[in-house]
Amino acid sequence: MFGFDNSNKAIVHFLGKIKDNKEAAKLTHGEVRAYARLILNMVPFLDIDKPEQVKFLLAAMSSPGLPHYDRSFAAEQILKLLEEQEQRKLNCPDGF
């Protein structure tokens, strides 16, 4: 898709910004929700071991009514899932 290499690196930056936004210091609710919806739309094109868990957290992040802390927590959990996936790949580069 337009030279996109399915790399998760593309979303880590945005999730990091959301994770660090516990008190709305940099991003508004609308901006966080927009990022979550955009990332959610890209999940099928990413290399994610647990896409259903990531989709759930992104859908929650994009829903109205959540405080910034909850959206930040969800972003942090997605980053943990991606980090665990990366660690598994480093430990078992053949996928076994």
N, C-alpha and C. Protein backbone atom coordinates (compact mmCIF):
# COMPACT_ATOMS: atom_id res chain seq x y z
N MET A 1 0.83 -1.17 0.00
CA MET A 1 0.00 0.00 0.00
C MET A 1 0.88 1.24 0.00
N PHE A 2 1.05 1.87 -1.12
CA PHE A 2 1.81 3.11 -1.26
C PHE A 2 3.22 2.99 -0.69
N GLY A 3 3.84 1.84 -0.81
CA GLY A 3 5.19 1.65 -0.31
C GLY A 3 5.28 1.48 1.19
N PHE A 4 4.15 1.33 1.86
CA PHE A 4 4.11 1.13 3.30
C PHE A 4 4.64 -0.26 3.61
N ASP A 5 5.60 -0.36 4.53
CA ASP A 5 6.28 -1.64 4.78
C ASP A 5 5.70 -2.45 5.94
N ASN A 6 4.49 -2.13 6.38
CA ASN A 6 3.81 -2.84 7.47
C ASN A 6 4.53 -2.69 8.80
N SER A 7 5.40 -1.73 8.91
CA SER A 7 6.17 -1.53 10.12
C SER A 7 5.33 -0.92 11.23
N ASN A 8 5.48 -1.45 12.43
CA ASN A 8 4.79 -0.90 13.59
C ASN A 8 5.45 0.39 14.07
N LYS A 9 6.66 0.66 13.58
CA LYS A 9 7.36 1.88 13.98
C LYS A 9 6.53 3.12 13.68
N ALA A 10 5.73 3.04 12.66
CA ALA A 10 4.92 4.20 12.25
C ALA A 10 3.94 4.62 13.35
N ILE A 11 3.40 3.66 14.08
CA ILE A 11 2.40 4.02 15.09
C ILE A 11 2.99 4.23 16.48
N VAL A 12 4.18 3.71 16.72
CA VAL A 12 4.80 3.83 18.04
C VAL A 12 4.97 5.30 18.43
N HIS A 13 5.37 6.12 17.49
CA HIS A 13 5.55 7.55 17.75
C HIS A 13 4.25 8.18 18.26
N PHE A 14 3.15 7.92 17.55
CA PHE A 14 1.87 8.52 17.91
C PHE A 14 1.34 7.97 19.23
N LEU A 15 1.50 6.66 19.43
CA LEU A 15 1.07 6.06 20.70
C LEU A 15 1.88 6.61 21.87
N GLY A 16 3.14 6.88 21.64
CA GLY A 16 3.98 7.47 22.68
C GLY A 16 3.50 8.86 23.06
N LYS A 17 3.09 9.64 22.06
CA LYS A 17 2.56 10.98 22.34
C LYS A 17 1.29 10.89 23.18
N ILE A 18 0.43 9.93 22.86
CA ILE A 18 -0.81 9.75 23.60
C ILE A 18 -0.52 9.26 25.02
N LYS A 19 0.40 8.31 25.13
CA LYS A 19 0.77 7.77 26.45
C LYS A 19 1.27 8.88 27.38
N ASP A 20 2.01 9.81 26.84
CA ASP A 20 2.59 10.90 27.65
C ASP A 20 1.63 12.07 27.84
N ASN A 21 0.39 11.92 27.45
CA ASN A 21 -0.59 13.01 27.47
C ASN A 21 -1.63 12.81 28.57
N LYS A 22 -1.21 12.34 29.73
CA LYS A 22 -2.15 12.00 30.81
C LYS A 22 -3.01 13.17 31.26
N GLU A 23 -2.49 14.37 31.21
CA GLU A 23 -3.23 15.54 31.69
C GLU A 23 -3.57 16.52 30.57
N ALA A 24 -3.63 16.05 29.34
CA ALA A 24 -3.98 16.88 28.19
C ALA A 24 -3.01 18.04 28.00
N ALA A 25 -1.75 17.80 28.32
CA ALA A 25 -0.75 18.86 28.21
C ALA A 25 -0.47 19.23 26.76
N LYS A 26 -0.57 18.27 25.86
CA LYS A 26 -0.20 18.51 24.47
C LYS A 26 -1.30 18.22 23.47
N LEU A 27 -2.10 17.20 23.74
CA LEU A 27 -3.13 16.78 22.78
C LEU A 27 -4.52 16.94 23.40
N THR A 28 -5.46 17.37 22.59
CA THR A 28 -6.85 17.46 23.03
C THR A 28 -7.51 16.09 22.91
N HIS A 29 -8.70 15.96 23.51
CA HIS A 29 -9.46 14.71 23.35
C HIS A 29 -9.69 14.43 21.87
N GLY A 30 -10.04 15.45 21.12
CA GLY A 30 -10.30 15.27 19.69
C GLY A 30 -9.09 14.79 18.93
N GLU A 31 -7.93 15.31 19.26
CA GLU A 31 -6.70 14.88 18.58
C GLU A 31 -6.36 13.43 18.93
N VAL A 32 -6.49 13.08 20.20
CA VAL A 32 -6.22 11.70 20.62
C VAL A 32 -7.20 10.75 19.94
N ARG A 33 -8.46 11.11 19.90
CA ARG A 33 -9.46 10.26 19.26
C ARG A 33 -9.17 10.12 17.77
N ALA A 34 -8.73 11.19 17.13
CA ALA A 34 -8.40 11.14 15.70
C ALA A 34 -7.22 10.20 15.46
N TYR A 35 -6.17 10.33 16.26
CA TYR A 35 -5.03 9.41 16.14
C TYR A 35 -5.49 7.96 16.31
N ALA A 36 -6.31 7.70 17.32
CA ALA A 36 -6.77 6.33 17.58
C ALA A 36 -7.56 5.79 16.39
N ARG A 37 -8.44 6.60 15.82
CA ARG A 37 -9.21 6.14 14.66
C ARG A 37 -8.32 5.88 13.46
N LEU A 38 -7.34 6.74 13.25
CA LEU A 38 -6.42 6.55 12.12
C LEU A 38 -5.60 5.28 12.30
N ILE A 39 -5.08 5.06 13.49
CA ILE A 39 -4.29 3.85 13.74
C ILE A 39 -5.18 2.62 13.63
N LEU A 40 -6.40 2.68 14.16
CA LEU A 40 -7.34 1.56 14.08
C LEU A 40 -7.57 1.17 12.62
N ASN A 41 -7.70 2.15 11.77
CA ASN A 41 -7.91 1.89 10.34
C ASN A 41 -6.71 1.18 9.70
N MET A 42 -5.52 1.38 10.25
CA MET A 42 -4.30 0.80 9.68
C MET A 42 -3.93 -0.56 10.26
N VAL A 43 -4.59 -1.00 11.31
CA VAL A 43 -4.24 -2.28 11.96
C VAL A 43 -4.14 -3.44 10.97
N PRO A 44 -5.04 -3.57 9.99
CA PRO A 44 -4.91 -4.71 9.07
C PRO A 44 -3.62 -4.69 8.25
N PHE A 45 -2.98 -3.55 8.14
CA PHE A 45 -1.77 -3.43 7.34
C PHE A 45 -0.49 -3.51 8.18
N LEU A 46 -0.64 -3.65 9.49
CA LEU A 46 0.50 -3.70 10.39
C LEU A 46 0.84 -5.13 10.77
N ASP A 47 2.03 -5.32 11.26
CA ASP A 47 2.50 -6.63 11.72
C ASP A 47 2.24 -6.72 13.22
N ILE A 48 1.03 -7.14 13.57
CA ILE A 48 0.63 -7.20 14.98
C ILE A 48 0.18 -8.61 15.31
N ASP A 49 0.80 -9.20 16.36
CA ASP A 49 0.46 -10.57 16.77
C ASP A 49 -0.94 -10.67 17.39
N LYS A 50 -1.34 -9.63 18.09
CA LYS A 50 -2.62 -9.66 18.80
C LYS A 50 -3.51 -8.51 18.32
N PRO A 51 -3.93 -8.57 17.05
CA PRO A 51 -4.68 -7.43 16.50
C PRO A 51 -6.01 -7.17 17.19
N GLU A 52 -6.67 -8.20 17.70
CA GLU A 52 -7.97 -7.99 18.34
C GLU A 52 -7.83 -7.18 19.63
N GLN A 53 -6.77 -7.46 20.39
CA GLN A 53 -6.54 -6.69 21.61
C GLN A 53 -6.21 -5.23 21.28
N VAL A 54 -5.38 -5.05 20.26
CA VAL A 54 -5.01 -3.69 19.84
C VAL A 54 -6.24 -2.95 19.32
N LYS A 55 -7.06 -3.62 18.53
CA LYS A 55 -8.28 -2.99 18.00
C LYS A 55 -9.21 -2.57 19.14
N PHE A 56 -9.36 -3.43 20.12
CA PHE A 56 -10.22 -3.11 21.26
C PHE A 56 -9.74 -1.84 21.96
N LEU A 57 -8.44 -1.80 22.26
CA LEU A 57 -7.89 -0.64 22.96
C LEU A 57 -8.00 0.63 22.12
N LEU A 58 -7.77 0.53 20.83
CA LEU A 58 -7.90 1.70 19.95
C LEU A 58 -9.34 2.17 19.85
N ALA A 59 -10.27 1.21 19.78
CA ALA A 59 -11.69 1.58 19.74
C ALA A 59 -12.09 2.28 21.02
N ALA A 60 -11.60 1.79 22.15
CA ALA A 60 -11.89 2.44 23.43
C ALA A 60 -11.31 3.85 23.46
N MET A 61 -10.07 3.99 22.97
CA MET A 61 -9.43 5.31 22.93
C MET A 61 -10.20 6.30 22.06
N SER A 62 -10.83 5.80 21.03
CA SER A 62 -11.52 6.69 20.10
C SER A 62 -12.96 7.00 20.52
N SER A 63 -13.42 6.36 21.58
CA SER A 63 -14.79 6.59 22.02
C SER A 63 -14.88 7.88 22.85
N PRO A 64 -16.05 8.51 22.81
CA PRO A 64 -16.22 9.75 23.58
C PRO A 64 -16.35 9.46 25.08
N GLY A 65 -16.03 10.45 25.88
CA GLY A 65 -16.29 10.37 27.31
C GLY A 65 -15.18 9.85 28.19
N LEU A 66 -14.09 9.36 27.60
CA LEU A 66 -12.99 8.86 28.43
C LEU A 66 -12.08 10.01 28.84
N PRO A 67 -11.58 9.97 30.07
CA PRO A 67 -10.60 10.98 30.47
C PRO A 67 -9.25 10.72 29.80
N HIS A 68 -8.42 11.74 29.77
CA HIS A 68 -7.10 11.61 29.14
C HIS A 68 -6.29 10.48 29.76
N TYR A 69 -6.40 10.32 31.08
CA TYR A 69 -5.63 9.27 31.74
C TYR A 69 -5.96 7.89 31.15
N ASP A 70 -7.25 7.61 30.92
CA ASP A 70 -7.65 6.30 30.38
C ASP A 70 -7.13 6.10 28.96
N ARG A 71 -7.17 7.15 28.16
CA ARG A 71 -6.64 7.05 26.80
C ARG A 71 -5.13 6.82 26.83
N SER A 72 -4.47 7.50 27.76
CA SER A 72 -3.03 7.33 27.94
C SER A 72 -2.71 5.90 28.36
N PHE A 73 -3.51 5.36 29.28
CA PHE A 73 -3.33 3.98 29.74
C PHE A 73 -3.49 3.00 28.58
N ALA A 74 -4.50 3.19 27.75
CA ALA A 74 -4.73 2.30 26.61
C ALA A 74 -3.54 2.34 25.65
N ALA A 75 -3.03 3.54 25.37
CA ALA A 75 -1.86 3.67 24.49
C ALA A 75 -0.67 2.94 25.08
N GLU A 76 -0.48 3.07 26.38
CA GLU A 76 0.62 2.39 27.05
C GLU A 76 0.49 0.87 26.92
N GLN A 77 -0.73 0.35 27.04
CA GLN A 77 -0.94 -1.09 26.92
C GLN A 77 -0.65 -1.59 25.50
N ILE A 78 -1.02 -0.80 24.50
CA ILE A 78 -0.70 -1.18 23.12
C ILE A 78 0.81 -1.19 22.92
N LEU A 79 1.49 -0.19 23.44
CA LEU A 79 2.95 -0.15 23.33
C LEU A 79 3.58 -1.36 24.00
N LYS A 80 3.03 -1.79 25.13
CA LYS A 80 3.54 -2.99 25.82
C LYS A 80 3.34 -4.23 24.96
N LEU A 81 2.17 -4.35 24.33
CA LEU A 81 1.91 -5.49 23.45
C LEU A 81 2.91 -5.52 22.30
N LEU A 82 3.17 -4.36 21.72
CA LEU A 82 4.11 -4.28 20.60
C LEU A 82 5.53 -4.58 21.06
N GLU A 83 5.88 -4.12 22.25
CA GLU A 83 7.21 -4.39 22.80
C GLU A 83 7.38 -5.88 23.09
N GLU A 84 6.36 -6.51 23.65
CA GLU A 84 6.42 -7.95 23.91
C GLU A 84 6.57 -8.72 22.61
N GLN A 85 5.84 -8.29 21.59
CA GLN A 85 5.94 -8.93 20.27
C GLN A 85 7.35 -8.80 19.72
N GLU A 86 7.92 -7.62 19.82
CA GLU A 86 9.28 -7.39 19.34
C GLU A 86 10.29 -8.24 20.10
N GLN A 87 10.09 -8.36 21.40
CA GLN A 87 10.99 -9.17 22.23
C GLN A 87 10.90 -10.65 21.83
N ARG A 88 9.69 -11.12 21.56
CA ARG A 88 9.53 -12.52 21.11
C ARG A 88 10.26 -12.74 19.78
N LYS A 89 10.17 -11.78 18.90
CA LYS A 89 10.85 -11.91 17.60
C LYS A 89 12.37 -11.93 17.77
N LEU A 90 12.88 -11.12 18.70
CA LEU A 90 14.32 -11.12 18.95
C LEU A 90 14.77 -12.42 19.57
N ASN A 91 13.94 -13.01 20.43
CA ASN A 91 14.29 -14.27 21.09
C ASN A 91 14.16 -15.47 20.16
N CYS A 92 13.23 -15.38 19.22
CA CYS A 92 12.99 -16.47 18.28
C CYS A 92 12.91 -15.91 16.87
N PRO A 93 14.02 -15.51 16.26
CA PRO A 93 13.97 -14.85 14.96
C PRO A 93 13.35 -15.69 13.85
N ASP A 94 13.34 -17.01 14.01
CA ASP A 94 12.74 -17.87 12.99
C ASP A 94 11.23 -17.99 13.15
N GLY A 95 10.70 -17.44 14.24
CA GLY A 95 9.27 -17.52 14.46
C GLY A 95 8.84 -18.78 15.18
N PHE A 96 9.78 -19.54 15.70
CA PHE A 96 9.44 -20.79 16.40
C PHE A 96 9.55 -20.60 17.88
